[in-house]
Protein backbone atom coordinates (compact mmCIF):
# COMPACT_ATOMS: atom_id res chain seq x y z
CA UNK A 1 0.00 0.00 0.00
CA UNK A 2 1.25 3.46 -0.88
CA UNK A 3 0.20 6.61 0.88
CA UNK A 4 -0.54 9.78 -1.01
CA UNK A 5 0.71 13.22 -0.19
CA UNK A 6 0.09 16.89 -0.77
CA UNK A 7 2.51 19.66 -1.72
CA UNK A 8 2.28 23.32 -2.76
CA UNK A 9 2.33 24.34 -6.39
CA UNK A 10 5.93 25.16 -7.28
CA UNK A 11 7.19 22.86 -4.54
CA UNK A 12 9.22 19.69 -4.81
CA UNK A 13 7.24 16.72 -6.12
CA UNK A 14 7.25 13.61 -3.92
CA UNK A 15 9.98 11.08 -4.63
CA UNK A 16 9.13 7.91 -6.46
CA UNK A 17 7.00 9.46 -9.20
CA UNK A 18 7.78 8.48 -12.81
CA UNK A 19 9.84 11.13 -14.60
CA UNK A 20 7.12 11.77 -17.20
CA UNK A 21 4.70 12.62 -14.38
CA UNK A 22 7.16 15.13 -12.96
CA UNK A 23 7.47 16.69 -16.44
CA UNK A 24 3.67 16.91 -16.74
CA UNK A 25 3.36 18.62 -13.35
CA UNK A 26 6.07 21.08 -14.36
CA UNK A 27 4.30 21.78 -17.67
CA UNK A 28 1.02 22.58 -15.90
CA UNK A 29 2.76 24.89 -13.45
CA UNK A 30 4.65 26.68 -16.25
CA UNK A 31 1.43 27.18 -18.24
CA UNK A 32 -0.38 28.62 -15.21
CA UNK A 33 2.51 30.98 -14.59
CA UNK A 34 2.63 32.01 -18.27
CA UNK A 35 -1.05 32.99 -18.31
CA UNK A 36 -0.71 34.90 -15.04
CA UNK A 37 -3.00 32.66 -12.98
CA UNK A 38 -2.91 33.47 -9.26
CA UNK A 39 -2.01 30.13 -7.72
CA UNK A 40 -1.25 31.45 -4.24
CA UNK A 41 -2.11 28.73 -1.76
CA UNK A 42 -2.82 26.03 -4.39
CA UNK A 43 -1.71 22.47 -3.73
CA UNK A 44 -1.27 19.24 -5.61
CA UNK A 45 -2.77 16.06 -4.14
CA UNK A 46 -1.21 12.69 -4.95
CA UNK A 47 -3.21 9.50 -4.61
CA UNK A 48 -2.38 6.02 -5.79
CA UNK A 49 -4.94 4.09 -7.83
CA UNK A 50 -4.01 0.50 -8.61
CA UNK A 51 -0.37 1.37 -7.82
CA UNK A 52 -0.35 4.24 -10.33
CA UNK A 53 -0.07 7.90 -9.34
CA UNK A 54 -3.01 10.23 -9.89
CA UNK A 55 -2.24 13.87 -9.17
CA UNK A 56 -4.88 16.57 -8.88
CA UNK A 57 -4.47 20.32 -8.62
CA UNK A 58 -7.00 22.42 -6.74
CA UNK A 59 -8.41 23.83 -10.00
CA UNK A 60 -9.40 20.34 -11.12
CA UNK A 61 -6.40 19.62 -13.37
CA UNK A 62 -5.51 15.92 -13.21
CA UNK A 63 -2.29 14.16 -14.21
CA UNK A 64 -2.52 10.38 -14.72
CA UNK A 65 0.27 7.92 -15.44
CA UNK A 66 -0.01 5.23 -18.12
CA UNK A 67 2.56 2.60 -17.16
CA UNK A 68 2.27 0.54 -20.36
CA UNK A 69 3.32 3.55 -22.45
CA UNK A 70 5.38 5.32 -19.77
CA UNK A 71 3.35 8.46 -20.48
CA UNK A 72 1.41 11.04 -18.53
CA UNK A 73 -1.94 12.51 -19.50
CA UNK A 74 -3.01 15.98 -18.39
CA UNK A 75 -6.73 16.63 -18.15
CA UNK A 76 -7.73 20.21 -17.52
CA UNK A 77 -11.10 21.33 -16.20
CA UNK A 78 -13.66 22.58 -18.67
CA UNK A 79 -14.44 26.25 -18.19
CA UNK A 80 -17.89 27.30 -19.30
CA UNK A 81 -17.77 30.41 -21.43
CA UNK A 82 -20.33 33.12 -20.94
CA UNK A 83 -21.58 33.49 -24.46
CA UNK A 84 -23.94 36.40 -24.86
CA UNK A 85 -24.62 35.43 -28.46
CA UNK A 86 -26.82 32.39 -28.42
CA UNK A 87 -26.98 30.80 -31.84
CA UNK A 88 -30.08 28.76 -32.20
PDB file of N, CA and C in Angstrom:
ATOM      1  N   UNK A   1       0.839  -1.180   0.000  1.00  0.00           N
ATOM      2  CA  UNK A   1       0.000   0.000   0.000  1.00  0.00           C
ATOM      3  C   UNK A   1       0.884   1.242   0.000  1.00  0.00           C
ATOM      4  N   UNK A   2       0.513   2.219  -0.824  1.00  0.00           N
ATOM      5  CA  UNK A   2       1.253   3.465  -0.880  1.00  0.00           C
ATOM      6  C   UNK A   2       0.357   4.596  -0.396  1.00  0.00           C
ATOM      7  N   UNK A   3       0.943   5.462   0.389  1.00  0.00           N
ATOM      8  CA  UNK A   3       0.199   6.613   0.878  1.00  0.00           C
ATOM      9  C   UNK A   3       0.390   7.783  -0.061  1.00  0.00           C
ATOM     10  N   UNK A   4      -0.623   8.582  -0.189  1.00  0.00           N
ATOM     11  CA  UNK A   4      -0.544   9.783  -1.010  1.00  0.00           C
ATOM     12  C   UNK A   4       0.094  10.912  -0.234  1.00  0.00           C
ATOM     13  N   UNK A   5       0.160  12.053  -0.861  1.00  0.00           N
ATOM     14  CA  UNK A   5       0.709  13.223  -0.188  1.00  0.00           C
ATOM     15  C   UNK A   5       0.166  14.486  -0.844  1.00  0.00           C
ATOM     16  N   UNK A   6       0.554  15.598  -0.292  1.00  0.00           N
ATOM     17  CA  UNK A   6       0.091  16.891  -0.765  1.00  0.00           C
ATOM     18  C   UNK A   6       1.281  17.841  -0.700  1.00  0.00           C
ATOM     19  N   UNK A   7       1.416  18.695  -1.732  1.00  0.00           N
ATOM     20  CA  UNK A   7       2.511  19.656  -1.724  1.00  0.00           C
ATOM     21  C   UNK A   7       2.072  20.914  -2.458  1.00  0.00           C
ATOM     22  N   UNK A   8       2.684  22.046  -2.139  1.00  0.00           N
ATOM     23  CA  UNK A   8       2.278  23.318  -2.757  1.00  0.00           C
ATOM     24  C   UNK A   8       2.736  23.393  -4.210  1.00  0.00           C
ATOM     25  N   UNK A   9       1.946  24.112  -5.003  1.00  0.00           N
ATOM     26  CA  UNK A   9       2.333  24.335  -6.393  1.00  0.00           C
ATOM     27  C   UNK A   9       3.678  25.055  -6.389  1.00  0.00           C
ATOM     28  N   UNK A  10       4.578  24.605  -7.246  1.00  0.00           N
ATOM     29  CA  UNK A  10       5.928  25.156  -7.284  1.00  0.00           C
ATOM     30  C   UNK A  10       6.884  24.459  -6.334  1.00  0.00           C
ATOM     31  N   UNK A  11       6.358  23.583  -5.489  1.00  0.00           N
ATOM     32  CA  UNK A  11       7.190  22.858  -4.538  1.00  0.00           C
ATOM     33  C   UNK A  11       7.811  21.614  -5.159  1.00  0.00           C
ATOM     34  N   UNK A  12       8.567  20.909  -4.365  1.00  0.00           N
ATOM     35  CA  UNK A  12       9.219  19.686  -4.814  1.00  0.00           C
ATOM     36  C   UNK A  12       8.216  18.546  -4.854  1.00  0.00           C
ATOM     37  N   UNK A  13       8.164  17.853  -6.002  1.00  0.00           N
ATOM     38  CA  UNK A  13       7.241  16.723  -6.117  1.00  0.00           C
ATOM     39  C   UNK A  13       7.743  15.571  -5.242  1.00  0.00           C
ATOM     40  N   UNK A  14       6.830  14.739  -4.753  1.00  0.00           N
ATOM     41  CA  UNK A  14       7.249  13.611  -3.921  1.00  0.00           C
ATOM     42  C   UNK A  14       8.180  12.665  -4.691  1.00  0.00           C
ATOM     43  N   UNK A  15       9.072  12.031  -3.991  1.00  0.00           N
ATOM     44  CA  UNK A  15       9.983  11.083  -4.633  1.00  0.00           C
ATOM     45  C   UNK A  15       9.204   9.830  -5.036  1.00  0.00           C
ATOM     46  N   UNK A  16       9.733   9.149  -6.017  1.00  0.00           N
ATOM     47  CA  UNK A  16       9.127   7.908  -6.455  1.00  0.00           C
ATOM     48  C   UNK A  16       8.139   8.043  -7.605  1.00  0.00           C
ATOM     49  N   UNK A  17       7.896   9.276  -8.067  1.00  0.00           N
ATOM     50  CA  UNK A  17       7.001   9.456  -9.204  1.00  0.00           C
ATOM     51  C   UNK A  17       7.771   9.210 -10.499  1.00  0.00           C
ATOM     52  N   UNK A  18       7.108   8.637 -11.512  1.00  0.00           N
ATOM     53  CA  UNK A  18       7.777   8.483 -12.808  1.00  0.00           C
ATOM     54  C   UNK A  18       8.188   9.845 -13.358  1.00  0.00           C
ATOM     55  N   UNK A  19       9.298   9.870 -14.081  1.00  0.00           N
ATOM     56  CA  UNK A  19       9.840  11.125 -14.596  1.00  0.00           C
ATOM     57  C   UNK A  19       8.838  11.854 -15.493  1.00  0.00           C
ATOM     58  N   UNK A  20       8.082  11.115 -16.304  1.00  0.00           N
ATOM     59  CA  UNK A  20       7.121  11.774 -17.199  1.00  0.00           C
ATOM     60  C   UNK A  20       6.011  12.472 -16.408  1.00  0.00           C
ATOM     61  N   UNK A  21       5.699  11.974 -15.231  1.00  0.00           N
ATOM     62  CA  UNK A  21       4.697  12.623 -14.377  1.00  0.00           C
ATOM     63  C   UNK A  21       5.266  13.929 -13.836  1.00  0.00           C
ATOM     64  N   UNK A  22       6.512  13.905 -13.427  1.00  0.00           N
ATOM     65  CA  UNK A  22       7.165  15.129 -12.959  1.00  0.00           C
ATOM     66  C   UNK A  22       7.180  16.184 -14.065  1.00  0.00           C
ATOM     67  N   UNK A  23       7.459  15.769 -15.298  1.00  0.00           N
ATOM     68  CA  UNK A  23       7.474  16.688 -16.436  1.00  0.00           C
ATOM     69  C   UNK A  23       6.084  17.273 -16.662  1.00  0.00           C
ATOM     70  N   UNK A  24       5.050  16.443 -16.548  1.00  0.00           N
ATOM     71  CA  UNK A  24       3.670  16.907 -16.741  1.00  0.00           C
ATOM     72  C   UNK A  24       3.285  17.928 -15.678  1.00  0.00           C
ATOM     73  N   UNK A  25       3.648  17.677 -14.431  1.00  0.00           N
ATOM     74  CA  UNK A  25       3.356  18.622 -13.348  1.00  0.00           C
ATOM     75  C   UNK A  25       4.052  19.946 -13.626  1.00  0.00           C
ATOM     76  N   UNK A  26       5.305  19.872 -14.033  1.00  0.00           N
ATOM     77  CA  UNK A  26       6.073  21.082 -14.364  1.00  0.00           C
ATOM     78  C   UNK A  26       5.416  21.855 -15.501  1.00  0.00           C
ATOM     79  N   UNK A  27       4.940  21.142 -16.521  1.00  0.00           N
ATOM     80  CA  UNK A  27       4.300  21.783 -17.672  1.00  0.00           C
ATOM     81  C   UNK A  27       3.040  22.525 -17.255  1.00  0.00           C
ATOM     82  N   UNK A  28       2.243  21.923 -16.380  1.00  0.00           N
ATOM     83  CA  UNK A  28       1.024  22.578 -15.895  1.00  0.00           C
ATOM     84  C   UNK A  28       1.383  23.845 -15.129  1.00  0.00           C
ATOM     85  N   UNK A  29       2.353  23.736 -14.246  1.00  0.00           N
ATOM     86  CA  UNK A  29       2.755  24.893 -13.448  1.00  0.00           C
ATOM     87  C   UNK A  29       3.302  26.015 -14.333  1.00  0.00           C
ATOM     88  N   UNK A  30       4.101  25.664 -15.341  1.00  0.00           N
ATOM     89  CA  UNK A  30       4.652  26.675 -16.249  1.00  0.00           C
ATOM     90  C   UNK A  30       3.537  27.363 -17.042  1.00  0.00           C
ATOM     91  N   UNK A  31       2.544  26.597 -17.486  1.00  0.00           N
ATOM     92  CA  UNK A  31       1.432  27.183 -18.238  1.00  0.00           C
ATOM     93  C   UNK A  31       0.634  28.144 -17.359  1.00  0.00           C
ATOM     94  N   UNK A  32       0.356  27.748 -16.121  1.00  0.00           N
ATOM     95  CA  UNK A  32      -0.384  28.622 -15.211  1.00  0.00           C
ATOM     96  C   UNK A  32       0.378  29.916 -14.958  1.00  0.00           C
ATOM     97  N   UNK A  33       1.679  29.800 -14.802  1.00  0.00           N
ATOM     98  CA  UNK A  33       2.512  30.981 -14.592  1.00  0.00           C
ATOM     99  C   UNK A  33       2.502  31.874 -15.839  1.00  0.00           C
ATOM    100  N   UNK A  34       2.584  31.256 -17.022  1.00  0.00           N
ATOM    101  CA  UNK A  34       2.632  32.010 -18.274  1.00  0.00           C
ATOM    102  C   UNK A  34       1.355  32.810 -18.527  1.00  0.00           C
ATOM    103  N   UNK A  35       0.211  32.275 -18.087  1.00  0.00           N
ATOM    104  CA  UNK A  35      -1.050  32.995 -18.305  1.00  0.00           C
ATOM    105  C   UNK A  35      -1.395  33.921 -17.149  1.00  0.00           C
ATOM    106  N   UNK A  36      -0.530  33.969 -16.149  1.00  0.00           N
ATOM    107  CA  UNK A  36      -0.713  34.896 -15.038  1.00  0.00           C
ATOM    108  C   UNK A  36      -1.751  34.467 -14.016  1.00  0.00           C
ATOM    109  N   UNK A  37      -2.015  33.180 -13.949  1.00  0.00           N
ATOM    110  CA  UNK A  37      -2.996  32.660 -12.978  1.00  0.00           C
ATOM    111  C   UNK A  37      -2.453  32.840 -11.557  1.00  0.00           C
ATOM    112  N   UNK A  38      -3.296  33.326 -10.665  1.00  0.00           N
ATOM    113  CA  UNK A  38      -2.912  33.473  -9.258  1.00  0.00           C
ATOM    114  C   UNK A  38      -3.086  32.126  -8.572  1.00  0.00           C
ATOM    115  N   UNK A  39      -1.980  31.462  -8.318  1.00  0.00           N
ATOM    116  CA  UNK A  39      -2.011  30.126  -7.719  1.00  0.00           C
ATOM    117  C   UNK A  39      -1.586  30.149  -6.252  1.00  0.00           C
ATOM    118  N   UNK A  40      -1.617  31.305  -5.662  1.00  0.00           N
ATOM    119  CA  UNK A  40      -1.247  31.453  -4.241  1.00  0.00           C
ATOM    120  C   UNK A  40      -2.092  30.497  -3.397  1.00  0.00           C
ATOM    121  N   UNK A  41      -1.428  29.650  -2.662  1.00  0.00           N
ATOM    122  CA  UNK A  41      -2.113  28.728  -1.761  1.00  0.00           C
ATOM    123  C   UNK A  41      -2.614  27.444  -2.408  1.00  0.00           C
ATOM    124  N   UNK A  42      -2.380  27.263  -3.722  1.00  0.00           N
ATOM    125  CA  UNK A  42      -2.820  26.035  -4.392  1.00  0.00           C
ATOM    126  C   UNK A  42      -1.897  24.878  -4.040  1.00  0.00           C
ATOM    127  N   UNK A  43      -2.469  23.689  -4.020  1.00  0.00           N
ATOM    128  CA  UNK A  43      -1.706  22.474  -3.726  1.00  0.00           C
ATOM    129  C   UNK A  43      -2.033  21.368  -4.719  1.00  0.00           C
ATOM    130  N   UNK A  44      -1.077  20.490  -4.888  1.00  0.00           N
ATOM    131  CA  UNK A  44      -1.268  19.237  -5.612  1.00  0.00           C
ATOM    132  C   UNK A  44      -1.612  18.161  -4.594  1.00  0.00           C
ATOM    133  N   UNK A  45      -2.444  17.207  -4.986  1.00  0.00           N
ATOM    134  CA  UNK A  45      -2.766  16.063  -4.136  1.00  0.00           C
ATOM    135  C   UNK A  45      -2.448  14.792  -4.919  1.00  0.00           C
ATOM    136  N   UNK A  46      -1.608  13.955  -4.338  1.00  0.00           N
ATOM    137  CA  UNK A  46      -1.207  12.691  -4.950  1.00  0.00           C
ATOM    138  C   UNK A  46      -1.960  11.552  -4.278  1.00  0.00           C
ATOM    139  N   UNK A  47      -2.611  10.741  -5.102  1.00  0.00           N
ATOM    140  CA  UNK A  47      -3.213   9.501  -4.611  1.00  0.00           C
ATOM    141  C   UNK A  47      -2.714   8.378  -5.513  1.00  0.00           C
ATOM    142  N   UNK A  48      -2.805   7.182  -5.014  1.00  0.00           N
ATOM    143  CA  UNK A  48      -2.377   6.022  -5.791  1.00  0.00           C
ATOM    144  C   UNK A  48      -3.607   5.184  -6.106  1.00  0.00           C
ATOM    145  N   UNK A  49      -3.824   4.908  -7.385  1.00  0.00           N
ATOM    146  CA  UNK A  49      -4.938   4.092  -7.829  1.00  0.00           C
ATOM    147  C   UNK A  49      -4.363   2.903  -8.579  1.00  0.00           C
ATOM    148  N   UNK A  50      -4.571   1.729  -8.033  1.00  0.00           N
ATOM    149  CA  UNK A  50      -4.006   0.502  -8.613  1.00  0.00           C
ATOM    150  C   UNK A  50      -2.499   0.635  -8.829  1.00  0.00           C
ATOM    151  N   UNK A  51      -1.827   1.169  -7.838  1.00  0.00           N
ATOM    152  CA  UNK A  51      -0.370   1.366  -7.817  1.00  0.00           C
ATOM    153  C   UNK A  51       0.138   2.375  -8.842  1.00  0.00           C
ATOM    154  N   UNK A  52      -0.760   3.188  -9.393  1.00  0.00           N
ATOM    155  CA  UNK A  52      -0.352   4.235 -10.334  1.00  0.00           C
ATOM    156  C   UNK A  52      -0.698   5.595  -9.739  1.00  0.00           C
ATOM    157  N   UNK A  53       0.202   6.582  -9.910  1.00  0.00           N
ATOM    158  CA  UNK A  53      -0.069   7.900  -9.341  1.00  0.00           C
ATOM    159  C   UNK A  53      -1.159   8.650 -10.110  1.00  0.00           C
ATOM    160  N   UNK A  54      -2.018   9.303  -9.348  1.00  0.00           N
ATOM    161  CA  UNK A  54      -3.010  10.226  -9.892  1.00  0.00           C
ATOM    162  C   UNK A  54      -2.826  11.520  -9.115  1.00  0.00           C
ATOM    163  N   UNK A  55      -2.566  12.605  -9.822  1.00  0.00           N
ATOM    164  CA  UNK A  55      -2.243  13.870  -9.172  1.00  0.00           C
ATOM    165  C   UNK A  55      -3.279  14.902  -9.580  1.00  0.00           C
ATOM    166  N   UNK A  56      -3.859  15.571  -8.586  1.00  0.00           N
ATOM    167  CA  UNK A  56      -4.884  16.569  -8.879  1.00  0.00           C
ATOM    168  C   UNK A  56      -4.517  17.907  -8.264  1.00  0.00           C
ATOM    169  N   UNK A  57      -4.686  18.952  -9.069  1.00  0.00           N
ATOM    170  CA  UNK A  57      -4.469  20.317  -8.619  1.00  0.00           C
ATOM    171  C   UNK A  57      -5.801  20.882  -8.165  1.00  0.00           C
ATOM    172  N   UNK A  58      -5.768  21.873  -7.315  1.00  0.00           N
ATOM    173  CA  UNK A  58      -6.997  22.422  -6.739  1.00  0.00           C
ATOM    174  C   UNK A  58      -7.961  23.005  -7.764  1.00  0.00           C
ATOM    175  N   UNK A  59      -7.490  23.319  -8.972  1.00  0.00           N
ATOM    176  CA  UNK A  59      -8.413  23.834  -9.995  1.00  0.00           C
ATOM    177  C   UNK A  59      -9.103  22.725 -10.779  1.00  0.00           C
ATOM    178  N   UNK A  60      -8.778  21.473 -10.449  1.00  0.00           N
ATOM    179  CA  UNK A  60      -9.398  20.338 -11.121  1.00  0.00           C
ATOM    180  C   UNK A  60      -8.523  19.682 -12.175  1.00  0.00           C
ATOM    181  N   UNK A  61      -7.336  20.238 -12.439  1.00  0.00           N
ATOM    182  CA  UNK A  61      -6.401  19.619 -13.375  1.00  0.00           C
ATOM    183  C   UNK A  61      -5.934  18.289 -12.796  1.00  0.00           C
ATOM    184  N   UNK A  62      -5.920  17.254 -13.652  1.00  0.00           N
ATOM    185  CA  UNK A  62      -5.513  15.920 -13.206  1.00  0.00           C
ATOM    186  C   UNK A  62      -4.402  15.397 -14.107  1.00  0.00           C
ATOM    187  N   UNK A  63      -3.378  14.819 -13.488  1.00  0.00           N
ATOM    188  CA  UNK A  63      -2.290  14.162 -14.208  1.00  0.00           C
ATOM    189  C   UNK A  63      -2.360  12.679 -13.868  1.00  0.00           C
ATOM    190  N   UNK A  64      -2.473  11.834 -14.913  1.00  0.00           N
ATOM    191  CA  UNK A  64      -2.524  10.377 -14.722  1.00  0.00           C
ATOM    192  C   UNK A  64      -1.354   9.728 -15.457  1.00  0.00           C
ATOM    193  N   UNK A  65      -0.867   8.656 -14.871  1.00  0.00           N
ATOM    194  CA  UNK A  65       0.266   7.925 -15.435  1.00  0.00           C
ATOM    195  C   UNK A  65      -0.215   6.662 -16.138  1.00  0.00           C
ATOM    196  N   UNK A  66       0.282   6.440 -17.365  1.00  0.00           N
ATOM    197  CA  UNK A  66      -0.005   5.232 -18.121  1.00  0.00           C
ATOM    198  C   UNK A  66       1.280   4.408 -18.143  1.00  0.00           C
ATOM    199  N   UNK A  67       1.336   3.380 -17.317  1.00  0.00           N
ATOM    200  CA  UNK A  67       2.560   2.601 -17.162  1.00  0.00           C
ATOM    201  C   UNK A  67       2.935   1.827 -18.428  1.00  0.00           C
ATOM    202  N   UNK A  68       1.951   1.340 -19.170  1.00  0.00           N
ATOM    203  CA  UNK A  68       2.268   0.539 -20.359  1.00  0.00           C
ATOM    204  C   UNK A  68       2.952   1.372 -21.441  1.00  0.00           C
ATOM    205  N   UNK A  69       2.685   2.671 -21.467  1.00  0.00           N
ATOM    206  CA  UNK A  69       3.318   3.547 -22.454  1.00  0.00           C
ATOM    207  C   UNK A  69       4.361   4.470 -21.834  1.00  0.00           C
ATOM    208  N   UNK A  70       4.514   4.403 -20.517  1.00  0.00           N
ATOM    209  CA  UNK A  70       5.379   5.319 -19.774  1.00  0.00           C
ATOM    210  C   UNK A  70       5.082   6.752 -20.196  1.00  0.00           C
ATOM    211  N   UNK A  71       3.790   7.114 -20.092  1.00  0.00           N
ATOM    212  CA  UNK A  71       3.351   8.456 -20.482  1.00  0.00           C
ATOM    213  C   UNK A  71       2.459   9.045 -19.398  1.00  0.00           C
ATOM    214  N   UNK A  72       2.288  10.342 -19.464  1.00  0.00           N
ATOM    215  CA  UNK A  72       1.406  11.041 -18.528  1.00  0.00           C
ATOM    216  C   UNK A  72       0.368  11.812 -19.336  1.00  0.00           C
ATOM    217  N   UNK A  73      -0.854  11.792 -18.855  1.00  0.00           N
ATOM    218  CA  UNK A  73      -1.941  12.514 -19.504  1.00  0.00           C
ATOM    219  C   UNK A  73      -2.410  13.631 -18.588  1.00  0.00           C
ATOM    220  N   UNK A  74      -2.521  14.825 -19.141  1.00  0.00           N
ATOM    221  CA  UNK A  74      -3.010  15.979 -18.389  1.00  0.00           C
ATOM    222  C   UNK A  74      -4.441  16.248 -18.828  1.00  0.00           C
ATOM    223  N   UNK A  75      -5.344  16.282 -17.869  1.00  0.00           N
ATOM    224  CA  UNK A  75      -6.734  16.625 -18.146  1.00  0.00           C
ATOM    225  C   UNK A  75      -7.046  17.901 -17.392  1.00  0.00           C
ATOM    226  N   UNK A  76      -7.420  18.933 -18.149  1.00  0.00           N
ATOM    227  CA  UNK A  76      -7.726  20.215 -17.525  1.00  0.00           C
ATOM    228  C   UNK A  76      -9.227  20.390 -17.402  1.00  0.00           C
ATOM    229  N   UNK A  77      -9.666  21.131 -16.389  1.00  0.00           N
ATOM    230  CA  UNK A  77     -11.104  21.325 -16.202  1.00  0.00           C
ATOM    231  C   UNK A  77     -11.706  22.134 -17.347  1.00  0.00           C
ATOM    232  N   UNK A  78     -12.949  21.842 -17.637  1.00  0.00           N
ATOM    233  CA  UNK A  78     -13.658  22.584 -18.674  1.00  0.00           C
ATOM    234  C   UNK A  78     -14.222  23.846 -18.049  1.00  0.00           C
ATOM    235  N   UNK A  79     -13.957  24.967 -18.694  1.00  0.00           N
ATOM    236  CA  UNK A  79     -14.441  26.245 -18.191  1.00  0.00           C
ATOM    237  C   UNK A  79     -15.573  26.701 -19.100  1.00  0.00           C
ATOM    238  N   UNK A  80     -16.735  26.867 -18.512  1.00  0.00           N
ATOM    239  CA  UNK A  80     -17.892  27.300 -19.300  1.00  0.00           C
ATOM    240  C   UNK A  80     -17.712  28.760 -19.683  1.00  0.00           C
ATOM    241  N   UNK A  81     -17.900  29.046 -20.950  1.00  0.00           N
ATOM    242  CA  UNK A  81     -17.771  30.415 -21.433  1.00  0.00           C
ATOM    243  C   UNK A  81     -19.129  31.103 -21.374  1.00  0.00           C
ATOM    244  N   UNK A  82     -19.110  32.324 -20.915  1.00  0.00           N
ATOM    245  CA  UNK A  82     -20.333  33.123 -20.935  1.00  0.00           C
ATOM    246  C   UNK A  82     -20.485  33.680 -22.349  1.00  0.00           C
ATOM    247  N   UNK A  83     -21.381  33.086 -23.081  1.00  0.00           N
ATOM    248  CA  UNK A  83     -21.584  33.487 -24.463  1.00  0.00           C
ATOM    249  C   UNK A  83     -22.887  34.259 -24.576  1.00  0.00           C
ATOM    250  N   UNK A  84     -22.751  35.565 -24.763  1.00  0.00           N
ATOM    251  CA  UNK A  84     -23.937  36.400 -24.863  1.00  0.00           C
ATOM    252  C   UNK A  84     -24.694  36.165 -26.169  1.00  0.00           C
ATOM    253  N   UNK A  85     -23.982  35.706 -27.165  1.00  0.00           N
ATOM    254  CA  UNK A  85     -24.617  35.432 -28.456  1.00  0.00           C
ATOM    255  C   UNK A  85     -25.046  33.973 -28.492  1.00  0.00           C
ATOM    256  N   UNK A  86     -26.325  33.756 -28.340  1.00  0.00           N
ATOM    257  CA  UNK A  86     -26.823  32.387 -28.416  1.00  0.00           C
ATOM    258  C   UNK A  86     -27.280  32.121 -29.836  1.00  0.00           C
ATOM    259  N   UNK A  87     -26.661  31.158 -30.459  1.00  0.00           N
ATOM    260  CA  UNK A  87     -26.978  30.798 -31.838  1.00  0.00           C
ATOM    261  C   UNK A  87     -27.896  29.604 -31.821  1.00  0.00           C
ATOM    262  N   UNK A  88     -29.092  29.844 -32.175  1.00  0.00           N
ATOM    263  CA  UNK A  88     -30.077  28.758 -32.201  1.00  0.00           C
ATOM    264  C   UNK A  88     -30.662  28.669 -33.587  1.00  0.00           C
TER     265      UNK A  88
END
